[in-house]
Amino acid sequence: MMVQEEITEQVKDVIQKDVWGAIRDFLSYEIFHFGDEHPIVLTVQLLLFVIIVLLITSYALRVFKRIITRKLRNEDKLKFESIFSFLKYFVYIIVIFGALDSIGFNITAIFAASAALLVGVGLALQTFIQDILSGIFIFMDQTVHVGDIIEIDDKVGRVEEIKLRTTRAVTIDNKVLIIPNHKFMTSSLYNWTQNGSMTKESIDIGVAYGSDTQLVKDLLIKAALSNDNILKEPAPLVLFTDFADSSLNFRLIFTMSDSFQAGIPKSEIRFEIDRLFREHDISIPFPQREVTILKE
């Protein structure tokens, strides 16, 4: 009986050693081996370790995102998620390299082997990175919001969507304008509505010398107030801007609540100005020149 028990224990020890030996051999199996002097070796154990670290990091990021966005407004939540979707990849890269370095993986050899490749990729993605960083700055400093009317590079559009790399706007003629975000950092940006939805518009017009300037002022204000799109307060304003070569120049200034559609009201006001001027015999001059021919 004692002999049988000893044999059983020996068999168990052999089986246990074989099982653990197989597991160790499996974990030590080299999936990838590169280089001789400073080799880069990837084993099953390293791969499993990296996968576990990534799973833990992914869970931690989801918890962090849930905590941060819990009390944010919907607009701010969308902005945070756009930035977070980009920054999490940097977190993953840092965690992976940190985990590999902590268990003795040759990180230096990886950087040395891929230095030229990384330089080439960096140059190729230079504009892309600029767009990404500019998008982050836009979210942070609140330069542009959805619904703002902006003018950039002589193009005017209403912002419909702000993404991390591009901003989408719709022009007055209903064309979609895709703006790379780095444009906001390298070009002059006019935000028509950052101070509010109301904006001031103007119409310039000249009348003939000898016209009743007070009557011209009254008619211009009347033409502006006749349009339903023009705000009564603040009241329209008329400026006598210049004694020009062929005309007395005036500027009609008025306030609108939606300057994005200013083209149609301004056209209607010009029609009304022309009608009122004809009705009151006020002429709009055109440039004239007198040519004197001297005979010898």
Protein backbone atom coordinates (compact mmCIF):
# COMPACT_ATOMS: atom_id res chain seq x y z
CA MET A 1 0.00 0.00 0.00
CA MET A 2 2.82 2.38 0.83
CA VAL A 3 4.54 1.57 -2.46
CA GLN A 4 1.35 2.32 -4.40
CA GLU A 5 0.95 5.69 -2.67
CA GLU A 6 4.56 6.59 -3.42
CA ILE A 7 4.10 5.70 -7.08
CA THR A 8 0.92 7.79 -7.22
CA GLU A 9 2.68 10.80 -5.71
CA GLN A 10 5.56 10.43 -8.16
CA VAL A 11 3.15 10.29 -11.08
CA LYS A 12 1.39 13.41 -9.81
CA ASP A 13 4.72 15.24 -9.49
CA VAL A 14 5.70 14.22 -13.02
CA ILE A 15 2.35 15.28 -14.46
CA GLN A 16 2.43 18.59 -12.52
CA LYS A 17 5.97 19.31 -13.67
CA ASP A 18 5.07 18.45 -17.26
CA VAL A 19 1.96 20.68 -17.18
CA TRP A 20 3.78 23.66 -15.70
CA GLY A 21 6.69 23.04 -18.01
CA ALA A 22 4.35 23.06 -21.01
CA ILE A 23 2.76 26.29 -19.79
CA ARG A 24 6.17 27.90 -19.30
CA ASP A 25 7.28 26.74 -22.73
CA PHE A 26 4.09 28.13 -24.25
CA LEU A 27 4.49 31.50 -22.51
CA SER A 28 8.14 31.69 -23.53
CA TYR A 29 7.41 30.86 -27.17
CA GLU A 30 8.87 33.57 -29.43
CA ILE A 31 6.28 35.00 -31.79
CA PHE A 32 8.63 37.57 -33.27
CA HIS A 33 12.40 37.94 -33.18
CA PHE A 34 14.28 40.74 -34.90
CA GLY A 35 17.93 41.82 -34.67
CA ASP A 36 21.07 40.27 -33.24
CA GLU A 37 22.98 42.90 -31.25
CA HIS A 38 19.91 44.45 -29.63
CA PRO A 39 17.19 41.96 -30.48
CA ILE A 40 13.48 42.73 -30.34
CA VAL A 41 11.75 39.63 -29.01
CA LEU A 42 7.99 39.25 -28.66
CA THR A 43 6.82 36.23 -26.70
CA VAL A 44 3.38 34.88 -25.88
CA GLN A 45 3.83 36.08 -22.30
CA LEU A 46 4.53 39.65 -23.43
CA LEU A 47 1.58 39.59 -25.80
CA LEU A 48 -0.81 38.38 -23.10
CA PHE A 49 0.54 40.98 -20.70
CA VAL A 50 -0.02 43.79 -23.21
CA ILE A 51 -3.56 42.57 -23.93
CA ILE A 52 -4.42 42.53 -20.21
CA VAL A 53 -2.95 46.01 -19.73
CA LEU A 54 -4.96 47.32 -22.71
CA LEU A 55 -8.17 45.84 -21.34
CA ILE A 56 -7.57 47.45 -17.94
CA THR A 57 -6.70 50.78 -19.60
CA SER A 58 -9.80 50.64 -21.79
CA TYR A 59 -12.02 50.05 -18.77
CA ALA A 60 -10.33 52.86 -16.82
CA LEU A 61 -10.81 55.27 -19.76
CA ARG A 62 -14.51 54.41 -20.03
CA VAL A 63 -14.98 55.04 -16.31
CA PHE A 64 -13.07 58.33 -16.56
CA LYS A 65 -15.16 59.43 -19.56
CA ARG A 66 -18.40 58.55 -17.76
CA ILE A 67 -17.40 60.55 -14.68
CA ILE A 68 -16.33 63.63 -16.67
CA THR A 69 -19.34 63.76 -19.02
CA ARG A 70 -21.93 63.08 -16.34
CA LYS A 71 -22.52 66.76 -15.54
CA LEU A 72 -21.60 68.33 -18.88
CA ARG A 73 -24.11 69.95 -21.23
CA ASN A 74 -24.86 68.10 -24.47
CA GLU A 75 -22.81 70.55 -26.56
CA ASP A 76 -19.81 70.35 -24.21
CA LYS A 77 -20.22 66.58 -24.00
CA LEU A 78 -19.86 66.24 -27.78
CA LYS A 79 -16.75 68.43 -27.75
CA PHE A 80 -15.18 66.42 -24.94
CA GLU A 81 -15.91 63.14 -26.72
CA SER A 82 -14.23 64.43 -29.90
CA ILE A 83 -11.09 65.38 -27.98
CA PHE A 84 -11.21 62.21 -25.90
CA SER A 85 -11.46 59.97 -28.99
CA PHE A 86 -8.17 61.44 -30.21
CA LEU A 87 -6.26 61.60 -26.92
CA LYS A 88 -7.09 58.05 -25.88
CA TYR A 89 -4.82 56.71 -28.63
CA PHE A 90 -1.89 58.59 -27.10
CA VAL A 91 -2.81 57.06 -23.74
CA TYR A 92 -2.81 53.59 -25.27
CA ILE A 93 0.61 54.15 -26.86
CA ILE A 94 2.12 55.46 -23.62
CA VAL A 95 0.63 52.58 -21.60
CA ILE A 96 1.88 49.96 -24.06
CA PHE A 97 5.43 51.31 -24.12
CA GLY A 98 5.41 51.79 -20.36
CA ALA A 99 4.21 48.22 -19.78
CA LEU A 100 6.78 46.74 -22.15
CA ASP A 101 9.58 48.78 -20.63
CA SER A 102 8.61 47.74 -17.11
CA ILE A 103 9.08 44.04 -17.93
CA GLY A 104 12.40 44.51 -19.71
CA PHE A 105 11.29 44.70 -23.34
CA ASN A 106 13.85 46.52 -25.50
CA ILE A 107 12.00 49.78 -26.24
CA THR A 108 15.19 51.55 -27.31
CA ALA A 109 15.72 49.05 -30.08
CA ILE A 110 12.21 49.69 -31.40
CA PHE A 111 12.78 53.45 -31.58
CA ALA A 112 16.19 52.96 -33.18
CA ALA A 113 14.79 50.61 -35.82
CA SER A 114 11.82 52.80 -36.65
CA ALA A 115 13.42 56.26 -36.36
CA ALA A 116 13.58 56.89 -40.11
CA LEU A 117 10.06 55.56 -40.59
CA LEU A 118 8.70 57.77 -37.82
CA VAL A 119 10.35 60.86 -39.35
CA GLY A 120 8.79 60.09 -42.73
CA VAL A 121 5.37 59.47 -41.24
CA GLY A 122 5.66 62.67 -39.18
CA LEU A 123 6.38 64.75 -42.27
CA ALA A 124 3.54 63.13 -44.19
CA LEU A 125 1.08 63.73 -41.34
CA GLN A 126 2.21 67.26 -40.52
CA THR A 127 -0.91 68.96 -41.87
CA PHE A 128 -3.12 66.26 -40.36
CA ILE A 129 -1.60 66.84 -36.91
CA GLN A 130 -2.02 70.61 -37.34
CA ASP A 131 -5.71 70.10 -38.07
CA ILE A 132 -6.13 67.87 -35.01
CA LEU A 133 -4.37 70.29 -32.65
CA SER A 134 -6.28 73.25 -34.10
CA GLY A 135 -9.53 71.36 -33.51
CA ILE A 136 -8.57 70.87 -29.87
CA PHE A 137 -7.78 74.58 -29.50
CA ILE A 138 -11.14 75.48 -31.08
CA PHE A 139 -12.93 73.32 -28.52
CA MET A 140 -10.92 74.79 -25.66
CA ASP A 141 -11.01 78.53 -26.42
CA GLN A 142 -14.56 78.52 -27.87
CA THR A 143 -13.53 80.48 -30.98
CA VAL A 144 -16.32 79.02 -33.09
CA HIS A 145 -19.65 77.45 -32.14
CA VAL A 146 -22.21 75.53 -34.12
CA GLY A 147 -24.63 78.08 -35.61
CA ASP A 148 -22.07 80.89 -35.88
CA ILE A 149 -21.77 82.76 -39.17
CA ILE A 150 -18.10 82.96 -40.11
CA GLU A 151 -16.07 84.51 -42.91
CA ILE A 152 -12.71 83.01 -43.79
CA ASP A 153 -10.70 83.37 -47.00
CA ASP A 154 -13.52 85.49 -48.49
CA LYS A 155 -16.04 82.66 -47.94
CA VAL A 156 -19.08 83.04 -45.69
CA GLY A 157 -20.97 80.16 -44.13
CA ARG A 158 -23.02 79.06 -41.16
CA VAL A 159 -21.22 76.47 -39.03
CA GLU A 160 -23.14 73.19 -38.99
CA GLU A 161 -20.63 70.79 -37.40
CA ILE A 162 -17.23 71.03 -35.74
CA LYS A 163 -15.12 67.90 -35.86
CA LEU A 164 -11.64 67.25 -34.61
CA ARG A 165 -10.00 67.68 -38.03
CA THR A 166 -12.48 69.70 -40.09
CA THR A 167 -15.35 72.14 -39.66
CA ARG A 168 -18.42 71.89 -41.89
CA ALA A 169 -20.32 75.04 -42.86
CA VAL A 170 -23.12 75.82 -45.31
CA THR A 171 -22.78 78.86 -47.56
CA ILE A 172 -25.55 81.29 -48.49
CA ASP A 173 -26.15 79.43 -51.76
CA ASN A 174 -26.54 76.14 -49.82
CA LYS A 175 -23.14 74.71 -50.72
CA VAL A 176 -21.22 72.71 -48.15
CA LEU A 177 -17.92 74.28 -47.14
CA ILE A 178 -15.35 71.92 -45.57
CA ILE A 179 -12.70 73.92 -43.68
CA PRO A 180 -9.52 72.25 -42.39
CA ASN A 181 -9.20 73.34 -38.77
CA HIS A 182 -5.64 74.67 -39.20
CA LYS A 183 -7.16 77.44 -41.35
CA PHE A 184 -8.59 78.98 -38.17
CA MET A 185 -5.04 79.35 -36.82
CA THR A 186 -3.34 80.57 -40.00
CA SER A 187 -6.01 82.83 -41.54
CA SER A 188 -8.01 85.82 -40.32
CA LEU A 189 -11.39 84.66 -39.10
CA TYR A 190 -14.43 86.94 -38.95
CA ASN A 191 -17.13 85.63 -36.63
CA TRP A 192 -20.21 87.63 -37.51
CA THR A 193 -22.30 86.36 -34.63
CA GLN A 194 -19.90 85.81 -31.72
CA ASN A 195 -21.25 88.95 -30.02
CA GLY A 196 -24.83 87.88 -30.69
CA SER A 197 -27.12 87.05 -33.59
CA MET A 198 -27.77 90.73 -34.43
CA THR A 199 -25.40 92.33 -36.93
CA LYS A 200 -25.21 95.70 -38.67
CA GLU A 201 -25.45 95.87 -42.45
CA SER A 202 -25.06 98.86 -44.76
CA ILE A 203 -25.94 100.12 -48.23
CA ASP A 204 -23.93 102.85 -49.95
CA ILE A 205 -25.60 105.20 -52.41
CA GLY A 206 -24.81 108.48 -54.14
CA VAL A 207 -27.19 111.25 -55.22
CA ALA A 208 -26.72 114.17 -57.57
CA TYR A 209 -25.36 117.50 -56.37
CA GLY A 210 -28.18 119.86 -55.52
CA SER A 211 -30.37 117.16 -53.99
CA ASP A 212 -32.15 117.86 -50.69
CA THR A 213 -29.85 115.98 -48.31
CA GLN A 214 -32.39 115.96 -45.45
CA LEU A 215 -35.00 114.46 -47.77
CA VAL A 216 -32.48 111.85 -48.92
CA LYS A 217 -31.86 110.93 -45.29
CA ASP A 218 -35.57 110.60 -44.54
CA LEU A 219 -36.21 108.48 -47.64
CA LEU A 220 -33.33 106.12 -46.85
CA ILE A 221 -34.63 105.55 -43.32
CA LYS A 222 -38.14 105.05 -44.68
CA ALA A 223 -36.87 102.46 -47.16
CA ALA A 224 -35.09 100.55 -44.39
CA LEU A 225 -38.06 100.56 -42.00
CA SER A 226 -40.39 99.35 -44.76
CA ASN A 227 -38.64 95.96 -44.74
CA ASP A 228 -39.86 93.46 -42.15
CA ASN A 229 -36.40 91.92 -41.76
CA ILE A 230 -34.92 95.17 -40.42
CA LEU A 231 -35.07 95.78 -36.67
CA LYS A 232 -36.76 98.96 -35.49
CA GLU A 233 -34.45 99.13 -32.49
CA PRO A 234 -31.72 100.18 -32.81
CA ALA A 235 -33.11 102.55 -35.42
CA PRO A 236 -31.55 102.77 -38.90
CA LEU A 237 -28.83 105.39 -39.26
CA VAL A 238 -27.79 107.50 -42.28
CA LEU A 239 -24.27 108.89 -42.61
CA PHE A 240 -23.27 111.59 -45.10
CA THR A 241 -19.93 110.06 -46.04
CA ASP A 242 -18.39 112.17 -48.79
CA PHE A 243 -18.55 114.96 -51.35
CA ALA A 244 -17.41 112.82 -54.26
CA ASP A 245 -16.49 113.86 -57.80
CA SER A 246 -19.93 113.16 -59.25
CA SER A 247 -22.21 112.57 -56.27
CA LEU A 248 -23.07 113.19 -52.64
CA ASN A 249 -22.40 109.86 -50.95
CA PHE A 250 -24.53 108.42 -48.14
CA ARG A 251 -24.42 105.19 -46.15
CA LEU A 252 -27.56 103.58 -44.78
CA ILE A 253 -26.82 101.45 -41.69
CA PHE A 254 -29.41 99.10 -40.21
CA THR A 255 -29.59 96.07 -37.89
CA MET A 256 -30.68 92.55 -38.77
CA SER A 257 -31.26 89.48 -36.64
CA ASP A 258 -30.07 87.08 -39.36
CA SER A 259 -27.24 88.50 -41.43
CA PHE A 260 -26.77 85.13 -43.14
CA GLN A 261 -29.78 85.99 -45.33
CA ALA A 262 -28.87 89.68 -45.68
CA GLY A 263 -28.63 89.57 -49.46
CA ILE A 264 -32.38 89.40 -50.10
CA PRO A 265 -33.44 92.20 -47.66
CA LYS A 266 -30.67 94.46 -48.94
CA SER A 267 -31.86 93.90 -52.50
CA GLU A 268 -35.45 94.70 -51.50
CA ILE A 269 -34.30 97.88 -49.76
CA ARG A 270 -32.41 98.97 -52.91
CA PHE A 271 -35.60 98.47 -54.97
CA GLU A 272 -37.50 100.60 -52.45
CA ILE A 273 -34.81 103.31 -52.48
CA ASP A 274 -34.97 103.48 -56.27
CA ARG A 275 -38.78 103.77 -56.17
CA LEU A 276 -38.76 106.51 -53.51
CA PHE A 277 -36.04 108.50 -55.29
CA ARG A 278 -37.97 108.40 -58.56
CA GLU A 279 -41.12 109.43 -56.73
CA HIS A 280 -39.37 112.47 -55.23
CA ASP A 281 -37.26 113.36 -58.29
CA ILE A 282 -33.94 112.54 -56.66
CA SER A 283 -31.47 111.34 -59.26
CA ILE A 284 -28.66 108.86 -58.84
CA PRO A 285 -25.77 110.18 -60.96
CA PHE A 286 -23.17 108.31 -62.93
CA PRO A 287 -19.58 109.51 -63.39
CA GLN A 288 -19.23 112.24 -65.99
CA ARG A 289 -16.17 113.83 -67.50
CA GLU A 290 -15.80 116.96 -69.63
CA VAL A 291 -13.27 116.66 -72.41
CA THR A 292 -11.90 119.88 -73.87
CA ILE A 293 -10.19 119.72 -77.27
CA LEU A 294 -7.81 122.54 -77.96
CA LYS A 295 -7.18 123.42 -81.60
CA GLU A 296 -3.85 124.90 -82.46
